Amino acid sequence: MYKVIHENSDLGLLTQACQAMLEWCDKWCMELNIDKCKALTLGKPTTNLTFDIPYNRITLHLEHISYMKDLGITIDSDLNFKKHIYGKIKQAFSMLAIINRNFVNLDTDTFKLLHKSLV
């Protein structure tokens, strides 16, 4: 869920939307893993926001995080993609190490083909 928050009433609207989603999940017998639900603030927050959702006589507290991975892309609160890029570079070097370790006696053309297809 996403909501632009300029004032406390906007936070209230986001809380109501989360409550409606939880009610929908209950209605259709779908259970959310609350431990995996997090809050990420994009940009510079004007105040320290705490995100608590009252639901079924308990209060669910969402942990604030500085970055998250969504649909395979890692973003942080400043919309900086350094973690994502470094992760992809690390994956590429890991695959290159596997190729070098397992295919020692390759000629240059075969190595290039393998590198292009796997890295």
PDB file of N, CA and C in Angstrom:
ATOM      1  N   MET A   1       0.844  -1.176   0.000  1.00  0.00           N
ATOM      2  CA  MET A   1       0.000   0.000   0.000  1.00  0.00           C
ATOM      3  C   MET A   1       0.886   1.234   0.000  1.00  0.00           C
ATOM      4  N   TYR A   2       0.379   2.288  -0.581  1.00  0.00           N
ATOM      5  CA  TYR A   2       1.163   3.506  -0.714  1.00  0.00           C
ATOM      6  C   TYR A   2       0.243   4.692  -0.477  1.00  0.00           C
ATOM      7  N   LYS A   3       0.723   5.681   0.246  1.00  0.00           N
ATOM      8  CA  LYS A   3      -0.057   6.895   0.493  1.00  0.00           C
ATOM      9  C   LYS A   3       0.900   8.049   0.733  1.00  0.00           C
ATOM     10  N   VAL A   4       0.635   9.172   0.061  1.00  0.00           N
ATOM     11  CA  VAL A   4       1.399  10.387   0.321  1.00  0.00           C
ATOM     12  C   VAL A   4       0.870  10.975   1.625  1.00  0.00           C
ATOM     13  N   ILE A   5       1.788  11.249   2.553  1.00  0.00           N
ATOM     14  CA  ILE A   5       1.372  11.748   3.866  1.00  0.00           C
ATOM     15  C   ILE A   5       1.950  13.133   4.069  1.00  0.00           C
ATOM     16  N   HIS A   6       1.043  14.110   4.130  1.00  0.00           N
ATOM     17  CA  HIS A   6       1.442  15.482   4.406  1.00  0.00           C
ATOM     18  C   HIS A   6       1.080  15.893   5.821  1.00  0.00           C
ATOM     19  N   GLU A   7       0.048  15.276   6.382  1.00  0.00           N
ATOM     20  CA  GLU A   7      -0.413  15.629   7.726  1.00  0.00           C
ATOM     21  C   GLU A   7      -0.978  14.387   8.397  1.00  0.00           C
ATOM     22  N   ASN A   8      -1.365  14.531   9.674  1.00  0.00           N
ATOM     23  CA  ASN A   8      -1.827  13.376  10.452  1.00  0.00           C
ATOM     24  C   ASN A   8      -3.084  12.748   9.872  1.00  0.00           C
ATOM     25  N   SER A   9      -3.950  13.530   9.236  1.00  0.00           N
ATOM     26  CA  SER A   9      -5.176  12.962   8.671  1.00  0.00           C
ATOM     27  C   SER A   9      -4.846  11.981   7.540  1.00  0.00           C
ATOM     28  N   ASP A  10      -3.771  12.247   6.805  1.00  0.00           N
ATOM     29  CA  ASP A  10      -3.338  11.319   5.754  1.00  0.00           C
ATOM     30  C   ASP A  10      -2.891   9.991   6.350  1.00  0.00           C
ATOM     31  N   LEU A  11      -2.221  10.066   7.486  1.00  0.00           N
ATOM     32  CA  LEU A  11      -1.804   8.841   8.176  1.00  0.00           C
ATOM     33  C   LEU A  11      -3.025   8.060   8.645  1.00  0.00           C
ATOM     34  N   GLY A  12      -4.046   8.773   9.088  1.00  0.00           N
ATOM     35  CA  GLY A  12      -5.297   8.123   9.490  1.00  0.00           C
ATOM     36  C   GLY A  12      -5.965   7.403   8.325  1.00  0.00           C
ATOM     37  N   LEU A  13      -5.932   8.020   7.141  1.00  0.00           N
ATOM     38  CA  LEU A  13      -6.510   7.376   5.958  1.00  0.00           C
ATOM     39  C   LEU A  13      -5.744   6.109   5.581  1.00  0.00           C
ATOM     40  N   LEU A  14      -4.426   6.150   5.712  1.00  0.00           N
ATOM     41  CA  LEU A  14      -3.624   4.962   5.424  1.00  0.00           C
ATOM     42  C   LEU A  14      -3.917   3.859   6.434  1.00  0.00           C
ATOM     43  N   THR A  15      -4.075   4.236   7.689  1.00  0.00           N
ATOM     44  CA  THR A  15      -4.414   3.261   8.731  1.00  0.00           C
ATOM     45  C   THR A  15      -5.773   2.623   8.440  1.00  0.00           C
ATOM     46  N   GLN A  16      -6.746   3.431   8.025  1.00  0.00           N
ATOM     47  CA  GLN A  16      -8.070   2.896   7.679  1.00  0.00           C
ATOM     48  C   GLN A  16      -7.980   1.933   6.497  1.00  0.00           C
ATOM     49  N   ALA A  17      -7.165   2.260   5.518  1.00  0.00           N
ATOM     50  CA  ALA A  17      -6.999   1.378   4.364  1.00  0.00           C
ATOM     51  C   ALA A  17      -6.382   0.045   4.797  1.00  0.00           C
ATOM     52  N   CYS A  18      -5.423   0.093   5.703  1.00  0.00           N
ATOM     53  CA  CYS A  18      -4.806  -1.145   6.205  1.00  0.00           C
ATOM     54  C   CYS A  18      -5.822  -1.972   6.991  1.00  0.00           C
ATOM     55  N   GLN A  19      -6.649  -1.296   7.787  1.00  0.00           N
ATOM     56  CA  GLN A  19      -7.687  -2.021   8.521  1.00  0.00           C
ATOM     57  C   GLN A  19      -8.672  -2.677   7.565  1.00  0.00           C
ATOM     58  N   ALA A  20      -9.053  -1.974   6.500  1.00  0.00           N
ATOM     59  CA  ALA A  20      -9.969  -2.540   5.508  1.00  0.00           C
ATOM     60  C   ALA A  20      -9.340  -3.755   4.830  1.00  0.00           C
ATOM     61  N   MET A  21      -8.037  -3.686   4.550  1.00  0.00           N
ATOM     62  CA  MET A  21      -7.351  -4.827   3.938  1.00  0.00           C
ATOM     63  C   MET A  21      -7.340  -6.020   4.888  1.00  0.00           C
ATOM     64  N   LEU A  22      -7.099  -5.770   6.174  1.00  0.00           N
ATOM     65  CA  LEU A  22      -7.111  -6.862   7.154  1.00  0.00           C
ATOM     66  C   LEU A  22      -8.499  -7.484   7.270  1.00  0.00           C
ATOM     67  N   GLU A  23      -9.539  -6.665   7.243  1.00  0.00           N
ATOM     68  CA  GLU A  23     -10.907  -7.185   7.291  1.00  0.00           C
ATOM     69  C   GLU A  23     -11.210  -8.020   6.048  1.00  0.00           C
ATOM     70  N   TRP A  24     -10.751  -7.563   4.880  1.00  0.00           N
ATOM     71  CA  TRP A  24     -10.942  -8.320   3.652  1.00  0.00           C
ATOM     72  C   TRP A  24     -10.248  -9.674   3.751  1.00  0.00           C
ATOM     73  N   CYS A  25      -9.027  -9.679   4.282  1.00  0.00           N
ATOM     74  CA  CYS A  25      -8.281 -10.939   4.439  1.00  0.00           C
ATOM     75  C   CYS A  25      -9.023 -11.893   5.369  1.00  0.00           C
ATOM     76  N   ASP A  26      -9.578 -11.355   6.464  1.00  0.00           N
ATOM     77  CA  ASP A  26     -10.357 -12.204   7.373  1.00  0.00           C
ATOM     78  C   ASP A  26     -11.592 -12.767   6.679  1.00  0.00           C
ATOM     79  N   LYS A  27     -12.287 -11.926   5.915  1.00  0.00           N
ATOM     80  CA  LYS A  27     -13.504 -12.348   5.223  1.00  0.00           C
ATOM     81  C   LYS A  27     -13.229 -13.503   4.274  1.00  0.00           C
ATOM     82  N   TRP A  28     -12.100 -13.455   3.574  1.00  0.00           N
ATOM     83  CA  TRP A  28     -11.774 -14.471   2.582  1.00  0.00           C
ATOM     84  C   TRP A  28     -10.802 -15.528   3.109  1.00  0.00           C
ATOM     85  N   CYS A  29     -10.655 -15.587   4.432  1.00  0.00           N
ATOM     86  CA  CYS A  29      -9.835 -16.615   5.105  1.00  0.00           C
ATOM     87  C   CYS A  29      -8.395 -16.620   4.603  1.00  0.00           C
ATOM     88  N   MET A  30      -7.852 -15.426   4.418  1.00  0.00           N
ATOM     89  CA  MET A  30      -6.447 -15.290   4.042  1.00  0.00           C
ATOM     90  C   MET A  30      -5.711 -14.693   5.228  1.00  0.00           C
ATOM     91  N   GLU A  31      -4.630 -15.301   5.587  1.00  0.00           N
ATOM     92  CA  GLU A  31      -3.877 -14.822   6.741  1.00  0.00           C
ATOM     93  C   GLU A  31      -2.621 -14.097   6.275  1.00  0.00           C
ATOM     94  N   LEU A  32      -2.458 -12.863   6.762  1.00  0.00           N
ATOM     95  CA  LEU A  32      -1.243 -12.109   6.464  1.00  0.00           C
ATOM     96  C   LEU A  32      -0.171 -12.447   7.491  1.00  0.00           C
ATOM     97  N   ASN A  33       1.047 -12.520   7.049  1.00  0.00           N
ATOM     98  CA  ASN A  33       2.163 -12.681   7.971  1.00  0.00           C
ATOM     99  C   ASN A  33       2.607 -11.276   8.380  1.00  0.00           C
ATOM    100  N   ILE A  34       2.137 -10.828   9.532  1.00  0.00           N
ATOM    101  CA  ILE A  34       2.400  -9.470   9.992  1.00  0.00           C
ATOM    102  C   ILE A  34       3.891  -9.237  10.199  1.00  0.00           C
ATOM    103  N   ASP A  35       4.647 -10.284  10.501  1.00  0.00           N
ATOM    104  CA  ASP A  35       6.095 -10.129  10.686  1.00  0.00           C
ATOM    105  C   ASP A  35       6.785  -9.699   9.392  1.00  0.00           C
ATOM    106  N   LYS A  36       6.173  -9.997   8.246  1.00  0.00           N
ATOM    107  CA  LYS A  36       6.757  -9.605   6.965  1.00  0.00           C
ATOM    108  C   LYS A  36       6.264  -8.241   6.490  1.00  0.00           C
ATOM    109  N   CYS A  37       5.286  -7.669   7.164  1.00  0.00           N
ATOM    110  CA  CYS A  37       4.755  -6.352   6.792  1.00  0.00           C
ATOM    111  C   CYS A  37       5.641  -5.276   7.412  1.00  0.00           C
ATOM    112  N   LYS A  38       6.113  -4.359   6.612  1.00  0.00           N
ATOM    113  CA  LYS A  38       7.037  -3.311   7.059  1.00  0.00           C
ATOM    114  C   LYS A  38       6.556  -1.960   6.559  1.00  0.00           C
ATOM    115  N   ALA A  39       7.110  -0.905   7.116  1.00  0.00           N
ATOM    116  CA  ALA A  39       6.815   0.460   6.673  1.00  0.00           C
ATOM    117  C   ALA A  39       8.104   1.084   6.163  1.00  0.00           C
ATOM    118  N   LEU A  40       8.031   1.633   4.957  1.00  0.00           N
ATOM    119  CA  LEU A  40       9.177   2.298   4.340  1.00  0.00           C
ATOM    120  C   LEU A  40       8.753   3.707   3.983  1.00  0.00           C
ATOM    121  N   THR A  41       9.473   4.690   4.496  1.00  0.00           N
ATOM    122  CA  THR A  41       9.188   6.088   4.194  1.00  0.00           C
ATOM    123  C   THR A  41      10.093   6.516   3.054  1.00  0.00           C
ATOM    124  N   LEU A  42       9.485   6.955   1.961  1.00  0.00           N
ATOM    125  CA  LEU A  42      10.248   7.428   0.804  1.00  0.00           C
ATOM    126  C   LEU A  42      10.406   8.936   0.904  1.00  0.00           C
ATOM    127  N   GLY A  43      11.611   9.421   0.743  1.00  0.00           N
ATOM    128  CA  GLY A  43      11.873  10.849   0.866  1.00  0.00           C
ATOM    129  C   GLY A  43      12.204  11.216   2.300  1.00  0.00           C
ATOM    130  N   LYS A  44      12.224  12.484   2.552  1.00  0.00           N
ATOM    131  CA  LYS A  44      12.551  12.982   3.889  1.00  0.00           C
ATOM    132  C   LYS A  44      11.283  13.158   4.699  1.00  0.00           C
ATOM    133  N   PRO A  45      11.088  12.374   5.767  1.00  0.00           N
ATOM    134  CA  PRO A  45       9.881  12.541   6.581  1.00  0.00           C
ATOM    135  C   PRO A  45       9.937  13.856   7.364  1.00  0.00           C
ATOM    136  N   THR A  46       8.780  14.509   7.456  1.00  0.00           N
ATOM    137  CA  THR A  46       8.727  15.773   8.193  1.00  0.00           C
ATOM    138  C   THR A  46       8.695  15.529   9.694  1.00  0.00           C
ATOM    139  N   THR A  47       8.135  14.414  10.110  1.00  0.00           N
ATOM    140  CA  THR A  47       8.084  14.056  11.530  1.00  0.00           C
ATOM    141  C   THR A  47       8.416  12.583  11.675  1.00  0.00           C
ATOM    142  N   ASN A  48       8.643  12.177  12.897  1.00  0.00           N
ATOM    143  CA  ASN A  48       8.848  10.755  13.165  1.00  0.00           C
ATOM    144  C   ASN A  48       7.495  10.069  13.179  1.00  0.00           C
ATOM    145  N   LEU A  49       7.217   9.253  12.197  1.00  0.00           N
ATOM    146  CA  LEU A  49       5.934   8.577  12.104  1.00  0.00           C
ATOM    147  C   LEU A  49       6.035   7.193  12.711  1.00  0.00           C
ATOM    148  N   THR A  50       5.066   6.870  13.552  1.00  0.00           N
ATOM    149  CA  THR A  50       4.938   5.498  14.033  1.00  0.00           C
ATOM    150  C   THR A  50       3.679   4.946  13.392  1.00  0.00           C
ATOM    151  N   PHE A  51       3.772   3.748  12.916  1.00  0.00           N
ATOM    152  CA  PHE A  51       2.649   3.176  12.188  1.00  0.00           C
ATOM    153  C   PHE A  51       2.091   2.011  12.973  1.00  0.00           C
ATOM    154  N   ASP A  52       1.014   2.277  13.701  1.00  0.00           N
ATOM    155  CA  ASP A  52       0.317   1.270  14.493  1.00  0.00           C
ATOM    156  C   ASP A  52      -1.105   1.129  13.952  1.00  0.00           C
ATOM    157  N   ILE A  53      -1.553  -0.111  13.776  1.00  0.00           N
ATOM    158  CA  ILE A  53      -2.881  -0.379  13.235  1.00  0.00           C
ATOM    159  C   ILE A  53      -3.701  -1.092  14.303  1.00  0.00           C
ATOM    160  N   PRO A  54      -4.722  -0.419  14.868  1.00  0.00           N
ATOM    161  CA  PRO A  54      -5.591  -1.132  15.812  1.00  0.00           C
ATOM    162  C   PRO A  54      -6.477  -2.119  15.045  1.00  0.00           C
ATOM    163  N   TYR A  55      -6.480  -3.373  15.517  1.00  0.00           N
ATOM    164  CA  TYR A  55      -7.252  -4.395  14.818  1.00  0.00           C
ATOM    165  C   TYR A  55      -7.571  -5.537  15.770  1.00  0.00           C
ATOM    166  N   ASN A  56      -8.854  -5.889  15.875  1.00  0.00           N
ATOM    167  CA  ASN A  56      -9.316  -7.002  16.724  1.00  0.00           C
ATOM    168  C   ASN A  56      -8.769  -6.933  18.150  1.00  0.00           C
ATOM    169  N   ARG A  57      -8.932  -5.811  18.771  1.00  0.00           N
ATOM    170  CA  ARG A  57      -8.533  -5.569  20.169  1.00  0.00           C
ATOM    171  C   ARG A  57      -7.026  -5.621  20.410  1.00  0.00           C
ATOM    172  N   ILE A  58      -6.244  -5.643  19.355  1.00  0.00           N
ATOM    173  CA  ILE A  58      -4.793  -5.570  19.500  1.00  0.00           C
ATOM    174  C   ILE A  58      -4.280  -4.450  18.588  1.00  0.00           C
ATOM    175  N   THR A  59      -3.064  -4.061  18.810  1.00  0.00           N
ATOM    176  CA  THR A  59      -2.446  -3.045  17.960  1.00  0.00           C
ATOM    177  C   THR A  59      -1.276  -3.682  17.229  1.00  0.00           C
ATOM    178  N   LEU A  60      -1.335  -3.635  15.913  1.00  0.00           N
ATOM    179  CA  LEU A  60      -0.251  -4.172  15.092  1.00  0.00           C
ATOM    180  C   LEU A  60       0.741  -3.046  14.822  1.00  0.00           C
ATOM    181  N   HIS A  61       1.978  -3.270  15.156  1.00  0.00           N
ATOM    182  CA  HIS A  61       3.026  -2.262  14.940  1.00  0.00           C
ATOM    183  C   HIS A  61       3.871  -2.689  13.744  1.00  0.00           C
ATOM    184  N   LEU A  62       3.968  -1.800  12.755  1.00  0.00           N
ATOM    185  CA  LEU A  62       4.807  -2.085  11.591  1.00  0.00           C
ATOM    186  C   LEU A  62       6.185  -1.478  11.810  1.00  0.00           C
ATOM    187  N   GLU A  63       7.186  -2.299  11.629  1.00  0.00           N
ATOM    188  CA  GLU A  63       8.573  -1.861  11.788  1.00  0.00           C
ATOM    189  C   GLU A  63       8.970  -0.945  10.641  1.00  0.00           C
ATOM    190  N   HIS A  64       9.645   0.162  10.969  1.00  0.00           N
ATOM    191  CA  HIS A  64      10.176   1.045   9.930  1.00  0.00           C
ATOM    192  C   HIS A  64      11.517   0.503   9.465  1.00  0.00           C
ATOM    193  N   ILE A  65      11.692   0.447   8.161  1.00  0.00           N
ATOM    194  CA  ILE A  65      12.934  -0.048   7.594  1.00  0.00           C
ATOM    195  C   ILE A  65      13.507   1.018   6.669  1.00  0.00           C
ATOM    196  N   SER A  66      14.801   0.927   6.402  1.00  0.00           N
ATOM    197  CA  SER A  66      15.440   1.935   5.560  1.00  0.00           C
ATOM    198  C   SER A  66      15.511   1.499   4.095  1.00  0.00           C
ATOM    199  N   TYR A  67      15.379   0.205   3.829  1.00  0.00           N
ATOM    200  CA  TYR A  67      15.342  -0.292   2.455  1.00  0.00           C
ATOM    201  C   TYR A  67      14.562  -1.590   2.421  1.00  0.00           C
ATOM    202  N   MET A  68      14.079  -1.941   1.231  1.00  0.00           N
ATOM    203  CA  MET A  68      13.365  -3.206   1.086  1.00  0.00           C
ATOM    204  C   MET A  68      13.494  -3.705  -0.353  1.00  0.00           C
ATOM    205  N   LYS A  69      13.235  -4.993  -0.505  1.00  0.00           N
ATOM    206  CA  LYS A  69      13.252  -5.601  -1.833  1.00  0.00           C
ATOM    207  C   LYS A  69      11.813  -5.900  -2.217  1.00  0.00           C
ATOM    208  N   ASP A  70      11.387  -5.368  -3.358  1.00  0.00           N
ATOM    209  CA  ASP A  70      10.027  -5.572  -3.834  1.00  0.00           C
ATOM    210  C   ASP A  70      10.077  -5.906  -5.320  1.00  0.00           C
ATOM    211  N   LEU A  71       9.489  -7.029  -5.690  1.00  0.00           N
ATOM    212  CA  LEU A  71       9.493  -7.505  -7.077  1.00  0.00           C
ATOM    213  C   LEU A  71      10.905  -7.583  -7.652  1.00  0.00           C
ATOM    214  N   GLY A  72      11.861  -7.970  -6.805  1.00  0.00           N
ATOM    215  CA  GLY A  72      13.230  -8.170  -7.256  1.00  0.00           C
ATOM    216  C   GLY A  72      14.081  -6.919  -7.302  1.00  0.00           C
ATOM    217  N   ILE A  73      13.524  -5.770  -6.923  1.00  0.00           N
ATOM    218  CA  ILE A  73      14.283  -4.521  -6.946  1.00  0.00           C
ATOM    219  C   ILE A  73      14.428  -4.006  -5.524  1.00  0.00           C
ATOM    220  N   THR A  74      15.647  -3.689  -5.125  1.00  0.00           N
ATOM    221  CA  THR A  74      15.912  -3.157  -3.797  1.00  0.00           C
ATOM    222  C   THR A  74      15.948  -1.636  -3.877  1.00  0.00           C
ATOM    223  N   ILE A  75      15.086  -0.994  -3.086  1.00  0.00           N
ATOM    224  CA  ILE A  75      15.073   0.471  -3.026  1.00  0.00           C
ATOM    225  C   ILE A  75      15.252   0.898  -1.580  1.00  0.00           C
ATOM    226  N   ASP A  76      15.755   2.108  -1.386  1.00  0.00           N
ATOM    227  CA  ASP A  76      15.868   2.630  -0.031  1.00  0.00           C
ATOM    228  C   ASP A  76      15.030   3.894   0.098  1.00  0.00           C
ATOM    229  N   SER A  77      15.030   4.470   1.287  1.00  0.00           N
ATOM    230  CA  SER A  77      14.146   5.600   1.565  1.00  0.00           C
ATOM    231  C   SER A  77      14.501   6.843   0.756  1.00  0.00           C
ATOM    232  N   ASP A  78      15.716   6.934   0.227  1.00  0.00           N
ATOM    233  CA  ASP A  78      16.118   8.065  -0.607  1.00  0.00           C
ATOM    234  C   ASP A  78      15.947   7.770  -2.099  1.00  0.00           C
ATOM    235  N   LEU A  79      15.294   6.653  -2.419  1.00  0.00           N
ATOM    236  CA  LEU A  79      15.150   6.175  -3.801  1.00  0.00           C
ATOM    237  C   LEU A  79      16.503   6.031  -4.479  1.00  0.00           C
ATOM    238  N   ASN A  80      17.418   5.478  -3.724  1.00  0.00           N
ATOM    239  CA  ASN A  80      18.763   5.222  -4.209  1.00  0.00           C
ATOM    240  C   ASN A  80      18.848   3.724  -4.518  1.00  0.00           C
ATOM    241  N   PHE A  81      19.386   3.366  -5.636  1.00  0.00           N
ATOM    242  CA  PHE A  81      19.422   1.967  -6.041  1.00  0.00           C
ATOM    243  C   PHE A  81      20.802   1.342  -5.885  1.00  0.00           C
ATOM    244  N   LYS A  82      21.655   1.917  -5.029  1.00  0.00           N
ATOM    245  CA  LYS A  82      23.004   1.371  -4.848  1.00  0.00           C
ATOM    246  C   LYS A  82      22.967  -0.056  -4.341  1.00  0.00           C
ATOM    247  N   LYS A  83      22.110  -0.353  -3.345  1.00  0.00           N
ATOM    248  CA  LYS A  83      22.031  -1.719  -2.818  1.00  0.00           C
ATOM    249  C   LYS A  83      21.613  -2.698  -3.907  1.00  0.00           C
ATOM    250  N   HIS A  84      20.689  -2.287  -4.763  1.00  0.00           N
ATOM    251  CA  HIS A  84      20.230  -3.147  -5.856  1.00  0.00           C
ATOM    252  C   HIS A  84      21.366  -3.406  -6.845  1.00  0.00           C
ATOM    253  N   ILE A  85      22.067  -2.339  -7.218  1.00  0.00           N
ATOM    254  CA  ILE A  85      23.156  -2.466  -8.190  1.00  0.00           C
ATOM    255  C   ILE A  85      24.281  -3.314  -7.622  1.00  0.00           C
ATOM    256  N   TYR A  86      24.661  -3.070  -6.362  1.00  0.00           N
ATOM    257  CA  TYR A  86      25.729  -3.860  -5.745  1.00  0.00           C
ATOM    258  C   TYR A  86      25.326  -5.325  -5.612  1.00  0.00           C
ATOM    259  N   GLY A  87      24.048  -5.574  -5.347  1.00  0.00           N
ATOM    260  CA  GLY A  87      23.570  -6.954  -5.279  1.00  0.00           C
ATOM    261  C   GLY A  87      23.687  -7.663  -6.617  1.00  0.00           C
ATOM    262  N   LYS A  88      23.329  -6.961  -7.694  1.00  0.00           N
ATOM    263  CA  LYS A  88      23.439  -7.557  -9.033  1.00  0.00           C
ATOM    264  C   LYS A  88      24.894  -7.782  -9.424  1.00  0.00           C
ATOM    265  N   ILE A  89      25.775  -6.848  -9.056  1.00  0.00           N
ATOM    266  CA  ILE A  89      27.202  -7.028  -9.334  1.00  0.00           C
ATOM    267  C   ILE A  89      27.734  -8.240  -8.571  1.00  0.00           C
ATOM    268  N   LYS A  90      27.308  -8.387  -7.326  1.00  0.00           N
ATOM    269  CA  LYS A  90      27.739  -9.526  -6.517  1.00  0.00           C
ATOM    270  C   LYS A  90      27.270 -10.840  -7.140  1.00  0.00           C
ATOM    271  N   GLN A  91      26.017 -10.867  -7.646  1.00  0.00           N
ATOM    272  CA  GLN A  91      25.514 -12.067  -8.322  1.00  0.00           C
ATOM    273  C   GLN A  91      26.331 -12.392  -9.568  1.00  0.00           C
ATOM    274  N   ALA A  92      26.674 -11.364 -10.331  1.00  0.00           N
ATOM    275  CA  ALA A  92      27.449 -11.581 -11.557  1.00  0.00           C
ATOM    276  C   ALA A  92      28.829 -12.137 -11.236  1.00  0.00           C
ATOM    277  N   PHE A  93      29.509 -11.567 -10.235  1.00  0.00           N
ATOM    278  CA  PHE A  93      30.827 -12.073  -9.855  1.00  0.00           C
ATOM    279  C   PHE A  93      30.742 -13.491  -9.296  1.00  0.00           C
ATOM    280  N   SER A  94      29.664 -13.787  -8.592  1.00  0.00           N
ATOM    281  CA  SER A  94      29.473 -15.136  -8.063  1.00  0.00           C
ATOM    282  C   SER A  94      29.334 -16.137  -9.208  1.00  0.00           C
ATOM    283  N   MET A  95      28.539 -15.785 -10.209  1.00  0.00           N
ATOM    284  CA  MET A  95      28.371 -16.671 -11.355  1.00  0.00           C
ATOM    285  C   MET A  95      29.677 -16.808 -12.130  1.00  0.00           C
ATOM    286  N   LEU A  96      30.418 -15.726 -12.268  1.00  0.00           N
ATOM    287  CA  LEU A  96      31.708 -15.770 -12.948  1.00  0.00           C
ATOM    288  C   LEU A  96      32.685 -16.679 -12.203  1.00  0.00           C
ATOM    289  N   ALA A  97      32.651 -16.644 -10.865  1.00  0.00           N
ATOM    290  CA  ALA A  97      33.517 -17.525 -10.076  1.00  0.00           C
ATOM    291  C   ALA A  97      33.142 -18.989 -10.281  1.00  0.00           C
ATOM    292  N   ILE A  98      31.842 -19.265 -10.381  1.00  0.00           N
ATOM    293  CA  ILE A  98      31.402 -20.641 -10.634  1.00  0.00           C
ATOM    294  C   ILE A  98      31.900 -21.115 -12.000  1.00  0.00           C
ATOM    295  N   ILE A  99      31.783 -20.252 -12.994  1.00  0.00           N
ATOM    296  CA  ILE A  99      32.265 -20.608 -14.344  1.00  0.00           C
ATOM    297  C   ILE A  99      33.771 -20.866 -14.313  1.00  0.00           C
ATOM    298  N   ASN A 100      34.523 -19.973 -13.677  1.00  0.00           N
ATOM    299  CA  ASN A 100      35.986 -20.132 -13.635  1.00  0.00           C
ATOM    300  C   ASN A 100      36.397 -21.388 -12.873  1.00  0.00           C
ATOM    301  N   ARG A 101      35.662 -21.713 -11.817  1.00  0.00           N
ATOM    302  CA  ARG A 101      36.020 -22.868 -10.995  1.00  0.00           C
ATOM    303  C   ARG A 101      35.683 -24.183 -11.691  1.00  0.00           C
ATOM    304  N   ASN A 102      34.561 -24.232 -12.408  1.00  0.00           N
ATOM    305  CA  ASN A 102      34.084 -25.496 -12.969  1.00  0.00           C
ATOM    306  C   ASN A 102      34.486 -25.739 -14.416  1.00  0.00           C
ATOM    307  N   PHE A 103      34.855 -24.695 -15.123  1.00  0.00           N
ATOM    308  CA  PHE A 103      35.219 -24.845 -16.531  1.00  0.00           C
ATOM    309  C   PHE A 103      36.614 -24.265 -16.743  1.00  0.00           C
ATOM    310  N   VAL A 104      37.610 -24.972 -16.262  1.00  0.00           N
ATOM    311  CA  VAL A 104      38.984 -24.469 -16.259  1.00  0.00           C
ATOM    312  C   VAL A 104      39.590 -24.465 -17.666  1.00  0.00           C
ATOM    313  N   ASN A 105      39.359 -25.488 -18.435  1.00  0.00           N
ATOM    314  CA  ASN A 105      40.039 -25.648 -19.720  1.00  0.00           C
ATOM    315  C   ASN A 105      39.174 -25.215 -20.907  1.00  0.00           C
ATOM    316  N   LEU A 106      38.528 -24.078 -20.808  1.00  0.00           N
ATOM    317  CA  LEU A 106      37.700 -23.590 -21.910  1.00  0.00           C
ATOM    318  C   LEU A 106      38.507 -22.699 -22.848  1.00  0.00           C
ATOM    319  N   ASP A 107      38.194 -22.802 -24.125  1.00  0.00           N
ATOM    320  CA  ASP A 107      38.810 -21.858 -25.052  1.00  0.00           C
ATOM    321  C   ASP A 107      38.062 -20.522 -24.939  1.00  0.00           C
ATOM    322  N   THR A 108      38.606 -19.480 -25.514  1.00  0.00           N
ATOM    323  CA  THR A 108      38.074 -18.123 -25.350  1.00  0.00           C
ATOM    324  C   THR A 108      36.659 -17.988 -25.882  1.00  0.00           C
ATOM    325  N   ASP A 109      36.363 -18.550 -27.027  1.00  0.00           N
ATOM    326  CA  ASP A 109      35.033 -18.414 -27.621  1.00  0.00           C
ATOM    327  C   ASP A 109      33.956 -19.109 -26.776  1.00  0.00           C
ATOM    328  N   THR A 110      34.259 -20.294 -26.289  1.00  0.00           N
ATOM    329  CA  THR A 110      33.302 -21.016 -25.446  1.00  0.00           C
ATOM    330  C   THR A 110      33.094 -20.288 -24.129  1.00  0.00           C
ATOM    331  N   PHE A 111      34.178 -19.737 -23.562  1.00  0.00           N
ATOM    332  CA  PHE A 111      34.065 -18.971 -22.326  1.00  0.00           C
ATOM    333  C   PHE A 111      33.166 -17.743 -22.526  1.00  0.00           C
ATOM    334  N   LYS A 112      33.346 -17.046 -23.640  1.00  0.00           N
ATOM    335  CA  LYS A 112      32.516 -15.864 -23.930  1.00  0.00           C
ATOM    336  C   LYS A 112      31.051 -16.245 -24.047  1.00  0.00           C
ATOM    337  N   LEU A 113      30.778 -17.356 -24.744  1.00  0.00           N
ATOM    338  CA  LEU A 113      29.404 -17.820 -24.909  1.00  0.00           C
ATOM    339  C   LEU A 113      28.781 -18.185 -23.562  1.00  0.00           C
ATOM    340  N   LEU A 114      29.519 -18.898 -22.738  1.00  0.00           N
ATOM    341  CA  LEU A 114      29.039 -19.278 -21.411  1.00  0.00           C
ATOM    342  C   LEU A 114      28.831 -18.054 -20.529  1.00  0.00           C
ATOM    343  N   HIS A 115      29.758 -17.114 -20.609  1.00  0.00           N
ATOM    344  CA  HIS A 115      29.658 -15.886 -19.823  1.00  0.00           C
ATOM    345  C   HIS A 115      28.428 -15.078 -20.233  1.00  0.00           C
ATOM    346  N   LYS A 116      28.180 -14.938 -21.521  1.00  0.00           N
ATOM    347  CA  LYS A 116      27.033 -14.163 -22.004  1.00  0.00           C
ATOM    348  C   LYS A 116      25.707 -14.819 -21.638  1.00  0.00           C
ATOM    349  N   SER A 117      25.695 -16.139 -21.612  1.00  0.00           N
ATOM    350  CA  SER A 117      24.437 -16.817 -21.329  1.00  0.00           C
ATOM    351  C   SER A 117      24.127 -16.899 -19.824  1.00  0.00           C
ATOM    352  N   LEU A 118      25.142 -16.935 -18.977  1.00  0.00           N
ATOM    353  CA  LEU A 118      24.900 -17.106 -17.546  1.00  0.00           C
ATOM    354  C   LEU A 118      25.081 -15.825 -16.724  1.00  0.00           C
ATOM    355  N   VAL A 119      25.927 -14.924 -17.176  1.00  0.00           N
ATOM    356  CA  VAL A 119      26.168 -13.711 -16.398  1.00  0.00           C
ATOM    357  C   VAL A 119      25.351 -12.605 -16.994  1.00  0.00           C
TER     358      VAL A 119
END
